[in-house]
Amino acid sequence: MNDRVTFKMEEGMSFIATTGSSNIEELRKASEKYGTKIPDAKIITIYNNGCFTCYYELDGYGVIEYAFSMEGQGFGLSADSEEDIRKCVMQILASIAIQ
């Protein structure tokens, strides 16, 4: 990066889904183990440069934690069409939530 440039900007797409914490296996187990209600979970998915990066946040707490990243080719994504990217995000959300 050029020393005179303060920021490097990249464009992508982001998606935020909110679900009950009981729909995420790890949070459901933690709630049962500690006998406490865990707030809804936000799953933040960012698509940039052919890669999906996911973060978790407990609703109302403002702390975002890195969850995982995966290449778009892992979903058969070959082009950056908005429709295909949305389908991949739905697959990611389905794999995170309890069936």
Protein backbone atom coordinates (compact mmCIF):
# COMPACT_ATOMS: atom_id res chain seq x y z
CA MET A 1 0.00 0.00 0.00
CA ASN A 2 1.27 3.46 -0.85
CA ASP A 3 2.64 5.23 2.27
CA ARG A 4 0.61 8.34 1.45
CA VAL A 5 -2.71 6.47 1.38
CA THR A 6 -4.53 6.23 4.71
CA PHE A 7 -7.16 3.66 3.71
CA LYS A 8 -7.44 0.86 1.22
CA MET A 9 -11.05 0.37 0.11
CA GLU A 10 -12.46 -2.87 -1.27
CA GLU A 11 -16.01 -3.44 -2.41
CA GLY A 12 -18.11 -6.50 -1.79
CA MET A 13 -21.51 -7.56 -0.54
CA SER A 14 -22.61 -8.11 3.03
CA PHE A 15 -25.56 -9.94 4.55
CA ILE A 16 -26.84 -9.90 8.13
CA ALA A 17 -29.21 -12.60 9.36
CA THR A 18 -30.65 -12.71 12.87
CA THR A 19 -31.81 -15.98 14.41
CA GLY A 20 -32.70 -17.27 17.82
CA SER A 21 -29.64 -18.56 19.63
CA SER A 22 -31.41 -21.91 20.02
CA ASN A 23 -31.04 -22.35 16.24
CA ILE A 24 -27.24 -22.44 16.52
CA GLU A 25 -26.01 -25.67 18.04
CA GLU A 26 -23.07 -24.22 19.99
CA LEU A 27 -25.20 -21.46 21.54
CA ARG A 28 -28.04 -23.85 22.36
CA LYS A 29 -25.63 -26.20 24.14
CA ALA A 30 -24.06 -23.31 26.07
CA SER A 31 -27.51 -22.10 27.13
CA GLU A 32 -28.41 -25.58 28.39
CA LYS A 33 -25.05 -26.12 30.10
CA TYR A 34 -25.08 -22.82 32.01
CA GLY A 35 -28.85 -22.55 32.48
CA THR A 36 -29.10 -19.10 31.00
CA LYS A 37 -30.94 -17.57 28.08
CA ILE A 38 -28.58 -16.41 25.35
CA PRO A 39 -29.76 -13.50 23.17
CA ASP A 40 -30.49 -13.81 19.46
CA ALA A 41 -27.47 -14.29 17.24
CA LYS A 42 -26.55 -12.17 14.25
CA ILE A 43 -24.62 -13.91 11.51
CA ILE A 44 -22.72 -11.41 9.38
CA THR A 45 -21.51 -12.71 6.03
CA ILE A 46 -19.24 -10.64 3.79
CA TYR A 47 -18.40 -11.62 0.22
CA ASN A 48 -15.27 -9.99 -1.18
CA ASN A 49 -12.67 -11.06 -3.75
CA GLY A 50 -14.18 -14.55 -4.18
CA CYS A 51 -14.27 -15.32 -0.46
CA PHE A 52 -17.07 -15.54 2.12
CA THR A 53 -16.14 -14.42 5.63
CA CYS A 54 -18.59 -15.00 8.49
CA TYR A 55 -18.79 -13.33 11.89
CA TYR A 56 -21.09 -13.87 14.88
CA GLU A 57 -22.57 -11.26 17.18
CA LEU A 58 -24.95 -11.67 20.10
CA ASP A 59 -27.77 -9.20 19.52
CA GLY A 60 -27.39 -6.11 21.66
CA TYR A 61 -23.83 -6.85 22.80
CA GLY A 62 -21.92 -5.25 19.92
CA VAL A 63 -18.99 -7.67 20.07
CA ILE A 64 -18.38 -9.30 16.72
CA GLU A 65 -16.34 -12.49 16.61
CA TYR A 66 -14.73 -14.07 13.55
CA ALA A 67 -16.30 -17.45 12.76
CA PHE A 68 -14.79 -18.75 9.50
CA SER A 69 -13.92 -18.01 5.87
CA MET A 70 -14.34 -20.08 2.75
CA GLU A 71 -13.67 -19.63 -0.93
CA GLY A 72 -16.62 -19.14 -3.26
CA GLN A 73 -15.48 -22.05 -5.42
CA GLY A 74 -16.36 -24.34 -2.53
CA PHE A 75 -20.00 -23.60 -3.40
CA GLY A 76 -19.47 -23.90 -7.14
CA LEU A 77 -19.50 -20.10 -7.47
CA SER A 78 -17.73 -19.16 -10.67
CA ALA A 79 -19.07 -15.65 -11.27
CA ASP A 80 -19.87 -12.71 -9.03
CA SER A 81 -23.57 -12.56 -9.90
CA GLU A 82 -25.69 -11.22 -7.05
CA GLU A 83 -28.18 -14.08 -7.36
CA ASP A 84 -25.46 -16.75 -7.12
CA ILE A 85 -23.82 -15.00 -4.16
CA ARG A 86 -27.17 -14.83 -2.33
CA LYS A 87 -27.70 -18.57 -2.94
CA CYS A 88 -24.29 -19.29 -1.44
CA VAL A 89 -25.07 -17.16 1.62
CA MET A 90 -28.31 -19.11 2.10
CA GLN A 91 -26.31 -22.36 1.95
CA ILE A 92 -23.91 -21.01 4.57
CA LEU A 93 -26.80 -20.02 6.86
CA ALA A 94 -28.43 -23.41 6.41
CA SER A 95 -25.19 -25.16 7.36
CA ILE A 96 -24.89 -23.09 10.55
CA ALA A 97 -28.48 -23.47 11.77
CA ILE A 98 -29.89 -26.62 13.32
CA GLN A 99 -31.99 -28.60 10.88
